Amino acid sequence: MMNKILDTCDTALEDIKDGATIMISGFGRAGLPLRLIDALVEQGARDLTIISNNSGSDDSGFGELIRQKRVRKLICSFPRLPGATLFDAAYRAGEVELEVVPQGNLAERMRAAGAGIGGFYTPTAYGTRLAEGKESRKIGDKNYVFELPLKADFALVKAYHADRWGNLTYRMSGRNFGPVMASAATTTIVQVSEIVPLGTLNPETVVTPGIYVQRVVRVS
């Protein structure tokens, strides 16, 4: 019988290796898998590429990864936030690379990876420094920039309910980037509030089907 539920976050993250690319869900604190991030800090992997909406805050595990110089590159939309002084200092010191991606492009690049799409044209960022080095073309009367899909080795996601097959529901704004990240990663690891019996979830309410999920950990 297929069962994707693991007992601890430590067990779920034990095979993450140095140099891995990791997506982390969350918009501010909403949907942020704090227990999985803390477990990643304890796990010890280094030279990481992190894909997230923002650079995290100094009082979360994300900030601790920066403090310990374990992040090689950050791909995000909002690198400068109140309470994110650790990343700012590390970036200014040349200790971490940064790729800024407009938020809509970030979501669509991950969705493209999950859907097997080779890339897409968008008018967002055309004519700015964010478009430098990228292919551009005129379609109709508009100029567009070509964006590549964005995939990862692992996605750390927070959801609300899960069953043992990994079918997920989310709670309100906690959904944010979780579904597209789950589809764009080779291995999706999910922190959930509650695990329900198989068959309990109404199929109409399942946002992320279990086919995109490899590991589930219940965090009270």
N, C-alpha and C. Protein backbone atom coordinates (compact mmCIF):
# COMPACT_ATOMS: atom_id res chain seq x y z
N MET A 1 0.85 -1.20 0.00
CA MET A 1 0.00 0.00 0.00
C MET A 1 0.88 1.25 0.00
N MET A 2 0.62 2.18 -0.90
CA MET A 2 1.44 3.39 -1.00
C MET A 2 1.19 4.30 0.19
N ASN A 3 2.28 4.67 0.85
CA ASN A 3 2.19 5.56 2.01
C ASN A 3 3.37 6.51 1.97
N LYS A 4 3.12 7.80 1.79
CA LYS A 4 4.18 8.80 1.67
C LYS A 4 4.44 9.53 2.97
N ILE A 5 3.83 9.09 4.06
CA ILE A 5 3.97 9.77 5.34
C ILE A 5 5.24 9.31 6.05
N LEU A 6 6.05 10.29 6.49
CA LEU A 6 7.26 10.00 7.27
C LEU A 6 7.08 10.55 8.68
N ASP A 7 7.87 10.01 9.60
CA ASP A 7 7.69 10.38 11.01
C ASP A 7 8.27 11.74 11.36
N THR A 8 9.40 12.11 10.74
CA THR A 8 10.08 13.34 11.14
C THR A 8 10.54 14.14 9.93
N CYS A 9 10.71 15.44 10.14
CA CYS A 9 11.27 16.30 9.10
C CYS A 9 12.71 15.91 8.79
N ASP A 10 13.44 15.52 9.80
CA ASP A 10 14.85 15.13 9.60
C ASP A 10 14.95 13.96 8.63
N THR A 11 14.09 12.98 8.78
CA THR A 11 14.09 11.83 7.88
C THR A 11 13.73 12.24 6.46
N ALA A 12 12.78 13.16 6.34
CA ALA A 12 12.31 13.59 5.02
C ALA A 12 13.39 14.32 4.23
N LEU A 13 14.33 14.98 4.94
CA LEU A 13 15.34 15.81 4.28
C LEU A 13 16.72 15.18 4.24
N GLU A 14 16.88 13.96 4.71
CA GLU A 14 18.21 13.41 4.93
C GLU A 14 19.03 13.22 3.65
N ASP A 15 18.39 13.12 2.48
CA ASP A 15 19.15 12.87 1.25
C ASP A 15 19.44 14.14 0.46
N ILE A 16 19.18 15.32 1.01
CA ILE A 16 19.53 16.56 0.32
C ILE A 16 21.04 16.73 0.37
N LYS A 17 21.64 16.88 -0.79
CA LYS A 17 23.10 16.93 -0.89
C LYS A 17 23.59 18.36 -1.14
N ASP A 18 24.87 18.57 -0.91
CA ASP A 18 25.49 19.86 -1.23
C ASP A 18 25.25 20.19 -2.70
N GLY A 19 24.98 21.46 -2.99
CA GLY A 19 24.77 21.89 -4.36
C GLY A 19 23.34 21.75 -4.85
N ALA A 20 22.42 21.32 -4.00
CA ALA A 20 21.04 21.11 -4.41
C ALA A 20 20.34 22.44 -4.68
N THR A 21 19.34 22.39 -5.55
CA THR A 21 18.44 23.53 -5.78
C THR A 21 17.13 23.24 -5.07
N ILE A 22 16.72 24.17 -4.20
CA ILE A 22 15.57 23.93 -3.33
C ILE A 22 14.58 25.07 -3.45
N MET A 23 13.33 24.75 -3.74
CA MET A 23 12.24 25.73 -3.70
C MET A 23 11.62 25.74 -2.31
N ILE A 24 11.28 26.92 -1.82
CA ILE A 24 10.65 27.06 -0.51
C ILE A 24 9.39 27.90 -0.67
N SER A 25 8.24 27.33 -0.34
CA SER A 25 6.98 28.05 -0.50
C SER A 25 6.85 29.13 0.57
N GLY A 26 5.86 30.01 0.37
CA GLY A 26 5.59 31.04 1.36
C GLY A 26 5.52 32.43 0.78
N PHE A 27 4.63 33.21 1.34
CA PHE A 27 4.51 34.63 1.02
C PHE A 27 4.51 35.34 2.37
N GLY A 28 5.69 35.89 2.75
CA GLY A 28 5.83 36.28 4.14
C GLY A 28 5.80 35.01 4.98
N ARG A 29 5.01 35.03 6.05
CA ARG A 29 4.88 33.84 6.89
C ARG A 29 3.82 32.87 6.37
N ALA A 30 2.91 33.36 5.53
CA ALA A 30 1.83 32.50 5.04
C ALA A 30 2.39 31.41 4.15
N GLY A 31 2.14 30.17 4.52
CA GLY A 31 2.60 29.04 3.71
C GLY A 31 4.07 28.74 3.83
N LEU A 32 4.75 29.33 4.80
CA LEU A 32 6.19 29.09 4.97
C LEU A 32 6.40 27.82 5.79
N PRO A 33 7.11 26.82 5.28
CA PRO A 33 7.31 25.55 5.99
C PRO A 33 8.44 25.65 7.02
N LEU A 34 8.17 26.34 8.10
CA LEU A 34 9.23 26.67 9.07
C LEU A 34 9.91 25.43 9.64
N ARG A 35 9.15 24.38 9.93
CA ARG A 35 9.77 23.20 10.53
C ARG A 35 10.69 22.50 9.52
N LEU A 36 10.31 22.49 8.26
CA LEU A 36 11.18 21.89 7.25
C LEU A 36 12.45 22.72 7.07
N ILE A 37 12.31 24.05 7.13
CA ILE A 37 13.49 24.91 7.00
C ILE A 37 14.43 24.70 8.18
N ASP A 38 13.87 24.60 9.38
CA ASP A 38 14.71 24.34 10.56
C ASP A 38 15.43 23.00 10.42
N ALA A 39 14.73 22.01 9.89
CA ALA A 39 15.36 20.70 9.69
C ALA A 39 16.46 20.79 8.64
N LEU A 40 16.28 21.63 7.63
CA LEU A 40 17.33 21.82 6.62
C LEU A 40 18.56 22.45 7.24
N VAL A 41 18.36 23.39 8.15
CA VAL A 41 19.49 23.99 8.87
C VAL A 41 20.26 22.91 9.63
N GLU A 42 19.55 22.04 10.31
CA GLU A 42 20.19 20.97 11.07
C GLU A 42 20.84 19.93 10.16
N GLN A 43 20.26 19.75 8.96
CA GLN A 43 20.73 18.70 8.06
C GLN A 43 22.15 18.97 7.55
N GLY A 44 22.48 20.23 7.30
CA GLY A 44 23.86 20.58 7.01
C GLY A 44 24.27 20.76 5.56
N ALA A 45 23.37 20.56 4.60
CA ALA A 45 23.73 20.72 3.19
C ALA A 45 24.19 22.15 2.90
N ARG A 46 25.18 22.28 2.01
CA ARG A 46 25.77 23.58 1.72
C ARG A 46 25.72 23.86 0.22
N ASP A 47 26.17 25.06 -0.16
CA ASP A 47 26.26 25.44 -1.58
C ASP A 47 24.90 25.33 -2.26
N LEU A 48 23.87 25.78 -1.56
CA LEU A 48 22.49 25.61 -2.01
C LEU A 48 22.06 26.75 -2.93
N THR A 49 21.20 26.44 -3.87
CA THR A 49 20.46 27.45 -4.62
C THR A 49 19.03 27.43 -4.09
N ILE A 50 18.57 28.57 -3.58
CA ILE A 50 17.24 28.67 -3.01
C ILE A 50 16.34 29.48 -3.94
N ILE A 51 15.17 28.95 -4.22
CA ILE A 51 14.17 29.64 -5.02
C ILE A 51 12.99 29.93 -4.10
N SER A 52 12.68 31.21 -3.93
CA SER A 52 11.63 31.60 -3.00
C SER A 52 11.08 32.95 -3.41
N ASN A 53 9.94 33.30 -2.83
CA ASN A 53 9.37 34.61 -3.11
C ASN A 53 10.26 35.74 -2.61
N ASN A 54 10.96 35.51 -1.48
CA ASN A 54 11.75 36.56 -0.86
C ASN A 54 12.99 35.98 -0.19
N SER A 55 13.74 36.84 0.46
CA SER A 55 15.02 36.42 1.05
C SER A 55 14.90 35.95 2.49
N GLY A 56 13.69 35.81 2.99
CA GLY A 56 13.51 35.35 4.35
C GLY A 56 13.79 36.43 5.37
N SER A 57 13.59 36.12 6.62
CA SER A 57 13.84 37.08 7.69
C SER A 57 14.93 36.57 8.61
N ASP A 58 15.52 37.46 9.36
CA ASP A 58 16.65 37.09 10.20
C ASP A 58 16.27 36.13 11.32
N ASP A 59 14.98 36.10 11.70
CA ASP A 59 14.56 35.27 12.84
C ASP A 59 13.97 33.92 12.40
N SER A 60 14.18 33.55 11.14
CA SER A 60 13.71 32.24 10.68
C SER A 60 14.90 31.40 10.26
N GLY A 61 14.65 30.10 10.03
CA GLY A 61 15.72 29.22 9.61
C GLY A 61 16.35 29.62 8.31
N PHE A 62 15.56 30.24 7.45
CA PHE A 62 16.08 30.73 6.18
C PHE A 62 17.25 31.69 6.42
N GLY A 63 17.06 32.61 7.37
CA GLY A 63 18.13 33.54 7.72
C GLY A 63 19.35 32.82 8.26
N GLU A 64 19.12 31.74 8.99
CA GLU A 64 20.24 30.99 9.55
C GLU A 64 21.07 30.33 8.45
N LEU A 65 20.42 29.89 7.38
CA LEU A 65 21.17 29.35 6.24
C LEU A 65 22.10 30.40 5.65
N ILE A 66 21.62 31.64 5.58
CA ILE A 66 22.44 32.75 5.09
C ILE A 66 23.58 33.02 6.07
N ARG A 67 23.25 33.03 7.34
CA ARG A 67 24.25 33.33 8.37
C ARG A 67 25.39 32.32 8.33
N GLN A 68 25.06 31.07 8.08
CA GLN A 68 26.07 30.01 8.04
C GLN A 68 26.75 29.89 6.67
N LYS A 69 26.43 30.83 5.77
CA LYS A 69 27.07 30.85 4.44
C LYS A 69 26.84 29.55 3.67
N ARG A 70 25.62 29.05 3.73
CA ARG A 70 25.30 27.80 3.06
C ARG A 70 24.45 28.00 1.80
N VAL A 71 24.15 29.25 1.48
CA VAL A 71 23.38 29.55 0.27
C VAL A 71 24.32 30.16 -0.76
N ARG A 72 24.45 29.51 -1.90
CA ARG A 72 25.31 30.01 -2.97
C ARG A 72 24.57 31.03 -3.83
N LYS A 73 23.27 30.77 -4.06
CA LYS A 73 22.51 31.65 -4.94
C LYS A 73 21.07 31.71 -4.46
N LEU A 74 20.47 32.90 -4.57
CA LEU A 74 19.06 33.09 -4.25
C LEU A 74 18.34 33.59 -5.50
N ILE A 75 17.25 32.91 -5.87
CA ILE A 75 16.39 33.34 -6.96
C ILE A 75 15.06 33.74 -6.34
N CYS A 76 14.71 35.02 -6.42
CA CYS A 76 13.52 35.48 -5.73
C CYS A 76 12.98 36.76 -6.35
N SER A 77 11.82 37.20 -5.87
CA SER A 77 11.21 38.44 -6.35
C SER A 77 11.48 39.63 -5.44
N PHE A 78 11.59 39.37 -4.14
CA PHE A 78 11.76 40.46 -3.18
C PHE A 78 12.97 40.18 -2.27
N PRO A 79 14.16 40.58 -2.70
CA PRO A 79 15.36 40.27 -1.92
C PRO A 79 15.56 41.17 -0.70
N ARG A 80 14.91 42.34 -0.70
CA ARG A 80 15.11 43.27 0.42
C ARG A 80 13.78 43.48 1.14
N LEU A 81 13.75 43.04 2.38
CA LEU A 81 12.55 43.13 3.21
C LEU A 81 12.93 43.65 4.58
N PRO A 82 11.99 44.26 5.30
CA PRO A 82 12.26 44.60 6.71
C PRO A 82 12.61 43.32 7.48
N GLY A 83 13.68 43.36 8.23
CA GLY A 83 14.08 42.18 8.99
C GLY A 83 14.88 41.18 8.20
N ALA A 84 15.38 41.57 7.02
CA ALA A 84 16.18 40.65 6.20
C ALA A 84 17.59 41.18 6.03
N THR A 85 18.20 41.60 7.11
CA THR A 85 19.52 42.22 7.04
C THR A 85 20.62 41.21 6.75
N LEU A 86 20.42 39.94 7.12
CA LEU A 86 21.46 38.94 6.90
C LEU A 86 21.72 38.75 5.41
N PHE A 87 20.66 38.63 4.62
CA PHE A 87 20.87 38.47 3.19
C PHE A 87 21.49 39.72 2.60
N ASP A 88 21.01 40.88 2.98
CA ASP A 88 21.53 42.13 2.42
C ASP A 88 23.03 42.24 2.65
N ALA A 89 23.45 41.91 3.88
CA ALA A 89 24.87 41.99 4.21
C ALA A 89 25.68 40.96 3.42
N ALA A 90 25.14 39.74 3.29
CA ALA A 90 25.84 38.69 2.56
C ALA A 90 25.97 39.04 1.08
N TYR A 91 24.93 39.63 0.53
CA TYR A 91 24.97 40.00 -0.89
C TYR A 91 25.99 41.11 -1.12
N ARG A 92 25.99 42.10 -0.26
CA ARG A 92 26.94 43.21 -0.41
C ARG A 92 28.38 42.74 -0.25
N ALA A 93 28.58 41.68 0.54
CA ALA A 93 29.92 41.13 0.75
C ALA A 93 30.33 40.16 -0.35
N GLY A 94 29.45 39.92 -1.30
CA GLY A 94 29.77 39.00 -2.39
C GLY A 94 29.72 37.54 -2.00
N GLU A 95 29.00 37.22 -0.91
CA GLU A 95 28.95 35.85 -0.42
C GLU A 95 27.81 35.04 -1.02
N VAL A 96 26.87 35.71 -1.68
CA VAL A 96 25.73 35.01 -2.26
C VAL A 96 25.34 35.70 -3.57
N GLU A 97 25.02 34.88 -4.58
CA GLU A 97 24.54 35.43 -5.86
C GLU A 97 23.04 35.71 -5.75
N LEU A 98 22.57 36.60 -6.61
CA LEU A 98 21.15 36.96 -6.60
C LEU A 98 20.62 37.03 -8.02
N GLU A 99 19.48 36.39 -8.26
CA GLU A 99 18.75 36.55 -9.50
C GLU A 99 17.35 37.04 -9.14
N VAL A 100 17.04 38.27 -9.53
CA VAL A 100 15.73 38.84 -9.25
C VAL A 100 14.79 38.50 -10.40
N VAL A 101 13.63 37.97 -10.06
CA VAL A 101 12.63 37.58 -11.06
C VAL A 101 11.29 38.21 -10.66
N PRO A 102 10.67 38.98 -11.54
CA PRO A 102 9.34 39.52 -11.22
C PRO A 102 8.41 38.40 -10.75
N GLN A 103 7.55 38.71 -9.80
CA GLN A 103 6.78 37.65 -9.13
C GLN A 103 5.92 36.83 -10.09
N GLY A 104 5.26 37.48 -11.05
CA GLY A 104 4.46 36.73 -12.01
C GLY A 104 5.32 35.82 -12.87
N ASN A 105 6.49 36.31 -13.27
CA ASN A 105 7.42 35.49 -14.05
C ASN A 105 7.92 34.31 -13.22
N LEU A 106 8.18 34.56 -11.94
CA LEU A 106 8.66 33.49 -11.06
C LEU A 106 7.65 32.35 -11.02
N ALA A 107 6.38 32.69 -10.79
CA ALA A 107 5.34 31.67 -10.73
C ALA A 107 5.18 30.95 -12.07
N GLU A 108 5.21 31.71 -13.16
CA GLU A 108 5.00 31.11 -14.48
C GLU A 108 6.19 30.25 -14.90
N ARG A 109 7.40 30.64 -14.51
CA ARG A 109 8.57 29.82 -14.84
C ARG A 109 8.49 28.48 -14.12
N MET A 110 8.02 28.48 -12.88
CA MET A 110 7.86 27.22 -12.16
C MET A 110 6.71 26.40 -12.76
N ARG A 111 5.62 27.07 -13.10
CA ARG A 111 4.50 26.36 -13.72
C ARG A 111 4.92 25.72 -15.04
N ALA A 112 5.74 26.45 -15.81
CA ALA A 112 6.22 25.93 -17.08
C ALA A 112 7.05 24.67 -16.87
N ALA A 113 7.89 24.68 -15.85
CA ALA A 113 8.69 23.49 -15.56
C ALA A 113 7.80 22.30 -15.23
N GLY A 114 6.77 22.54 -14.42
CA GLY A 114 5.87 21.46 -14.04
C GLY A 114 5.05 20.94 -15.21
N ALA A 115 4.75 21.82 -16.17
CA ALA A 115 3.92 21.44 -17.31
C ALA A 115 4.74 20.91 -18.48
N GLY A 116 6.07 20.94 -18.36
CA GLY A 116 6.91 20.46 -19.45
C GLY A 116 7.00 21.44 -20.61
N ILE A 117 6.78 22.72 -20.33
CA ILE A 117 6.85 23.76 -21.36
C ILE A 117 8.27 24.29 -21.44
N GLY A 118 8.78 24.45 -22.66
CA GLY A 118 10.19 24.83 -22.85
C GLY A 118 10.51 26.28 -22.59
N GLY A 119 9.52 27.11 -22.34
CA GLY A 119 9.73 28.53 -22.08
C GLY A 119 8.53 29.32 -22.58
N PHE A 120 8.55 30.63 -22.35
CA PHE A 120 7.42 31.46 -22.76
C PHE A 120 7.89 32.90 -22.95
N TYR A 121 7.12 33.65 -23.73
CA TYR A 121 7.40 35.06 -23.95
C TYR A 121 6.50 35.90 -23.05
N THR A 122 7.07 36.93 -22.43
CA THR A 122 6.31 37.82 -21.55
C THR A 122 6.78 39.25 -21.77
N PRO A 123 5.88 40.22 -21.70
CA PRO A 123 6.31 41.62 -21.81
C PRO A 123 6.96 42.14 -20.54
N THR A 124 6.76 41.41 -19.43
CA THR A 124 7.30 41.86 -18.15
C THR A 124 8.82 41.92 -18.18
N ALA A 125 9.37 43.04 -17.78
CA ALA A 125 10.81 43.29 -17.67
C ALA A 125 11.48 43.65 -18.99
N TYR A 126 10.71 43.68 -20.09
CA TYR A 126 11.34 44.09 -21.34
C TYR A 126 11.89 45.52 -21.21
N GLY A 127 13.10 45.71 -21.73
CA GLY A 127 13.73 47.02 -21.70
C GLY A 127 14.36 47.39 -20.37
N THR A 128 14.41 46.45 -19.42
CA THR A 128 15.03 46.71 -18.13
C THR A 128 16.29 45.85 -17.99
N ARG A 129 17.02 46.05 -16.91
CA ARG A 129 18.23 45.27 -16.67
C ARG A 129 17.91 43.80 -16.46
N LEU A 130 16.68 43.49 -16.02
CA LEU A 130 16.31 42.10 -15.80
C LEU A 130 16.22 41.32 -17.12
N ALA A 131 16.13 42.03 -18.22
CA ALA A 131 16.03 41.37 -19.53
C ALA A 131 17.38 41.25 -20.23
N GLU A 132 18.42 41.77 -19.63
CA GLU A 132 19.74 41.74 -20.28
C GLU A 132 20.21 40.30 -20.48
N GLY A 133 20.68 40.02 -21.69
CA GLY A 133 21.19 38.69 -22.00
C GLY A 133 20.12 37.68 -22.37
N LYS A 134 18.86 38.10 -22.39
CA LYS A 134 17.77 37.19 -22.73
C LYS A 134 17.26 37.49 -24.14
N GLU A 135 16.75 36.46 -24.78
CA GLU A 135 16.17 36.63 -26.10
C GLU A 135 14.92 37.51 -26.02
N SER A 136 14.73 38.38 -26.99
CA SER A 136 13.51 39.19 -27.05
C SER A 136 13.02 39.25 -28.49
N ARG A 137 11.74 39.49 -28.64
CA ARG A 137 11.18 39.62 -29.97
C ARG A 137 9.89 40.42 -29.90
N LYS A 138 9.48 40.94 -31.04
CA LYS A 138 8.24 41.69 -31.14
C LYS A 138 7.15 40.77 -31.68
N ILE A 139 6.04 40.72 -30.98
CA ILE A 139 4.89 39.92 -31.39
C ILE A 139 3.71 40.88 -31.49
N GLY A 140 3.20 41.05 -32.68
CA GLY A 140 2.17 42.07 -32.86
C GLY A 140 2.77 43.44 -32.65
N ASP A 141 2.19 44.20 -31.75
CA ASP A 141 2.71 45.54 -31.48
C ASP A 141 3.40 45.63 -30.13
N LYS A 142 3.74 44.46 -29.54
CA LYS A 142 4.39 44.46 -28.23
C LYS A 142 5.74 43.76 -28.29
N ASN A 143 6.65 44.18 -27.40
CA ASN A 143 7.95 43.54 -27.25
C ASN A 143 7.91 42.57 -26.07
N TYR A 144 8.53 41.43 -26.27
CA TYR A 144 8.49 40.36 -25.27
C TYR A 144 9.89 39.85 -24.96
N VAL A 145 10.02 39.28 -23.77
CA VAL A 145 11.26 38.64 -23.32
C VAL A 145 10.99 37.15 -23.16
N PHE A 146 11.95 36.32 -23.59
CA PHE A 146 11.79 34.87 -23.45
C PHE A 146 12.33 34.42 -22.11
N GLU A 147 11.50 33.70 -21.35
CA GLU A 147 11.88 33.20 -20.03
C GLU A 147 11.91 31.67 -20.04
N LEU A 148 12.92 31.11 -19.41
CA LEU A 148 13.07 29.67 -19.34
C LEU A 148 12.33 29.10 -18.13
N PRO A 149 11.96 27.81 -18.19
CA PRO A 149 11.32 27.18 -17.01
C PRO A 149 12.30 27.12 -15.84
N LEU A 150 11.74 27.05 -14.66
CA LEU A 150 12.54 27.04 -13.43
C LEU A 150 12.18 25.80 -12.64
N LYS A 151 13.15 24.88 -12.50
CA LYS A 151 12.89 23.63 -11.79
C LYS A 151 13.87 23.47 -10.64
N ALA A 152 13.61 22.48 -9.80
CA ALA A 152 14.44 22.29 -8.60
C ALA A 152 14.60 20.80 -8.30
N ASP A 153 15.60 20.50 -7.50
CA ASP A 153 15.77 19.13 -7.01
C ASP A 153 14.73 18.81 -5.95
N PHE A 154 14.47 19.79 -5.07
CA PHE A 154 13.54 19.60 -3.96
C PHE A 154 12.63 20.81 -3.83
N ALA A 155 11.41 20.59 -3.39
CA ALA A 155 10.52 21.67 -2.99
C ALA A 155 10.08 21.41 -1.55
N LEU A 156 10.21 22.43 -0.71
CA LEU A 156 9.72 22.37 0.67
C LEU A 156 8.44 23.19 0.72
N VAL A 157 7.33 22.54 1.02
CA VAL A 157 6.02 23.15 0.88
C VAL A 157 5.22 22.96 2.17
N LYS A 158 4.42 23.97 2.50
CA LYS A 158 3.49 23.84 3.63
C LYS A 158 2.07 23.73 3.08
N ALA A 159 1.33 22.69 3.54
CA ALA A 159 -0.06 22.51 3.16
C ALA A 159 -0.90 22.34 4.43
N TYR A 160 -2.20 22.18 4.23
CA TYR A 160 -3.12 22.08 5.36
C TYR A 160 -3.47 20.63 5.67
N HIS A 161 -4.08 19.95 4.70
CA HIS A 161 -4.44 18.55 4.85
C HIS A 161 -3.71 17.71 3.82
N ALA A 162 -3.43 16.47 4.19
CA ALA A 162 -2.87 15.49 3.25
C ALA A 162 -3.39 14.11 3.62
N ASP A 163 -3.51 13.25 2.62
CA ASP A 163 -3.75 11.84 2.91
C ASP A 163 -2.45 11.08 2.65
N ARG A 164 -2.48 9.78 2.85
CA ARG A 164 -1.22 9.02 2.76
C ARG A 164 -0.71 8.90 1.33
N TRP A 165 -1.53 9.23 0.34
CA TRP A 165 -1.07 9.25 -1.05
C TRP A 165 -0.44 10.59 -1.42
N GLY A 166 -0.51 11.57 -0.52
CA GLY A 166 0.10 12.87 -0.79
C GLY A 166 -0.81 13.88 -1.44
N ASN A 167 -2.11 13.60 -1.54
CA ASN A 167 -3.05 14.60 -2.03
C ASN A 167 -3.14 15.74 -1.03
N LEU A 168 -3.11 16.99 -1.51
CA LEU A 168 -2.99 18.14 -0.61
C LEU A 168 -4.12 19.14 -0.78
N THR A 169 -4.51 19.74 0.35
CA THR A 169 -5.31 20.96 0.35
C THR A 169 -4.51 22.03 1.09
N TYR A 170 -4.86 23.28 0.85
CA TYR A 170 -4.17 24.41 1.48
C TYR A 170 -5.18 25.26 2.22
N ARG A 171 -4.67 26.09 3.13
CA ARG A 171 -5.55 26.97 3.89
C ARG A 171 -5.37 28.42 3.43
N MET A 172 -6.37 28.95 2.77
CA MET A 172 -6.42 30.35 2.39
C MET A 172 -5.13 30.81 1.68
N SER A 173 -4.52 31.91 2.13
CA SER A 173 -3.35 32.44 1.43
C SER A 173 -2.10 31.59 1.62
N GLY A 174 -2.17 30.58 2.50
CA GLY A 174 -1.06 29.67 2.66
C GLY A 174 -0.79 28.84 1.41
N ARG A 175 -1.72 28.88 0.47
CA ARG A 175 -1.55 28.13 -0.77
C ARG A 175 -0.43 28.72 -1.62
N ASN A 176 -0.41 29.99 -1.81
CA ASN A 176 0.52 30.76 -2.65
C ASN A 176 1.32 29.93 -3.68
N PHE A 177 2.63 29.77 -3.46
CA PHE A 177 3.47 29.11 -4.47
C PHE A 177 3.56 27.59 -4.31
N GLY A 178 2.88 27.04 -3.31
CA GLY A 178 2.98 25.61 -3.06
C GLY A 178 2.66 24.73 -4.24
N PRO A 179 1.52 24.93 -4.91
CA PRO A 179 1.17 24.04 -6.01
C PRO A 179 2.15 24.06 -7.18
N VAL A 180 2.62 25.25 -7.59
CA VAL A 180 3.54 25.28 -8.73
C VAL A 180 4.91 24.73 -8.34
N MET A 181 5.33 24.96 -7.11
CA MET A 181 6.61 24.41 -6.67
C MET A 181 6.55 22.89 -6.60
N ALA A 182 5.44 22.36 -6.13
CA ALA A 182 5.31 20.91 -6.03
C ALA A 182 5.43 20.26 -7.42
N SER A 183 4.91 20.94 -8.43
CA SER A 183 4.95 20.37 -9.78
C SER A 183 6.31 20.53 -10.44
N ALA A 184 7.11 21.50 -9.96
CA ALA A 184 8.37 21.84 -10.63
C ALA A 184 9.59 21.17 -10.01
N ALA A 185 9.42 20.41 -8.94
CA ALA A 185 10.55 19.79 -8.26
C ALA A 185 10.59 18.29 -8.49
N THR A 186 11.79 17.75 -8.49
CA THR A 186 11.93 16.29 -8.60
C THR A 186 11.37 15.59 -7.37
N THR A 187 11.64 16.17 -6.19
CA THR A 187 11.16 15.61 -4.92
C THR A 187 10.46 16.71 -4.13
N THR A 188 9.19 16.52 -3.85
CA THR A 188 8.42 17.48 -3.07
C THR A 188 8.20 16.95 -1.67
N ILE A 189 8.59 17.74 -0.69
CA ILE A 189 8.47 17.37 0.72
C ILE A 189 7.50 18.35 1.37
N VAL A 190 6.46 17.84 2.01
CA VAL A 190 5.37 18.69 2.48
C VAL A 190 5.19 18.59 3.98
N GLN A 191 5.11 19.76 4.61
CA GLN A 191 4.76 19.89 6.02
C GLN A 191 3.26 20.18 6.09
N VAL A 192 2.50 19.33 6.79
CA VAL A 192 1.05 19.53 6.86
C VAL A 192 0.59 19.62 8.31
N SER A 193 -0.57 20.26 8.48
CA SER A 193 -1.15 20.38 9.82
C SER A 193 -1.90 19.13 10.23
N GLU A 194 -2.48 18.44 9.27
CA GLU A 194 -3.29 17.28 9.60
C GLU A 194 -3.24 16.25 8.47
N ILE A 195 -3.15 14.99 8.86
CA ILE A 195 -3.22 13.89 7.91
C ILE A 195 -4.57 13.21 8.09
N VAL A 196 -5.30 13.07 7.00
CA VAL A 196 -6.65 12.52 7.06
C VAL A 196 -6.69 11.16 6.38
N PRO A 197 -7.67 10.33 6.74
CA PRO A 197 -7.77 9.00 6.11
C PRO A 197 -7.99 9.10 4.61
N LEU A 198 -7.48 8.12 3.91
CA LEU A 198 -7.65 8.06 2.46
C LEU A 198 -9.14 8.05 2.12
N GLY A 199 -9.55 8.88 1.16
CA GLY A 199 -10.95 8.96 0.79
C GLY A 199 -11.70 10.07 1.49
N THR A 200 -11.08 10.69 2.49
CA THR A 200 -11.74 11.76 3.23
C THR A 200 -11.81 13.05 2.41
N LEU A 201 -10.74 13.35 1.68
CA LEU A 201 -10.68 14.59 0.92
C LEU A 201 -11.60 14.52 -0.30
N ASN A 202 -12.43 15.54 -0.44
CA ASN A 202 -13.26 15.66 -1.63
C ASN A 202 -12.34 15.94 -2.81
N PRO A 203 -12.39 15.14 -3.86
CA PRO A 203 -11.51 15.38 -5.01
C PRO A 203 -11.59 16.80 -5.55
N GLU A 204 -12.75 17.45 -5.40
CA GLU A 204 -12.91 18.82 -5.89
C GLU A 204 -12.10 19.82 -5.07
N THR A 205 -11.70 19.45 -3.86
CA THR A 205 -10.94 20.37 -3.01
C THR A 205 -9.45 20.11 -3.04
N VAL A 206 -9.03 19.01 -3.69
CA VAL A 206 -7.59 18.70 -3.78
C VAL A 206 -6.94 19.66 -4.76
N VAL A 207 -5.96 20.43 -4.28
CA VAL A 207 -5.27 21.40 -5.12
C VAL A 207 -4.03 20.77 -5.76
N THR A 208 -3.25 20.06 -4.96
CA THR A 208 -2.06 19.37 -5.46
C THR A 208 -2.29 17.86 -5.41
N PRO A 209 -2.41 17.20 -6.56
CA PRO A 209 -2.57 15.75 -6.56
C PRO A 209 -1.31 15.06 -6.05
N GLY A 210 -1.50 13.90 -5.46
CA GLY A 210 -0.39 13.18 -4.86
C GLY A 210 0.71 12.79 -5.82
N ILE A 211 0.44 12.79 -7.13
CA ILE A 211 1.48 12.44 -8.10
C ILE A 211 2.65 13.41 -8.03
N TYR A 212 2.42 14.63 -7.53
CA TYR A 212 3.48 15.63 -7.42
C TYR A 212 4.19 15.60 -6.07
N VAL A 213 3.78 14.73 -5.18
CA VAL A 213 4.28 14.73 -3.80
C VAL A 213 4.97 13.41 -3.49
N GLN A 214 6.16 13.50 -2.91
CA GLN A 214 6.91 12.29 -2.55
C GLN A 214 6.93 12.00 -1.05
N ARG A 215 6.92 13.06 -0.22
CA ARG A 215 7.05 12.86 1.22
C ARG A 215 6.15 13.84 1.97
N VAL A 216 5.53 13.34 3.04
CA VAL A 216 4.64 14.16 3.87
C VAL A 216 5.00 13.97 5.33
N VAL A 217 5.08 15.08 6.05
CA VAL A 217 5.35 15.04 7.49
C VAL A 217 4.28 15.87 8.21
N ARG A 218 3.66 15.30 9.22
CA ARG A 218 2.69 16.07 10.00
C ARG A 218 3.42 16.89 11.05
N VAL A 219 3.13 18.17 11.09
CA VAL A 219 3.72 19.09 12.07
C VAL A 219 2.58 19.74 12.84
N SER A 220 2.53 19.49 14.13
CA SER A 220 1.42 20.01 14.92
C SER A 220 1.53 21.51 15.09
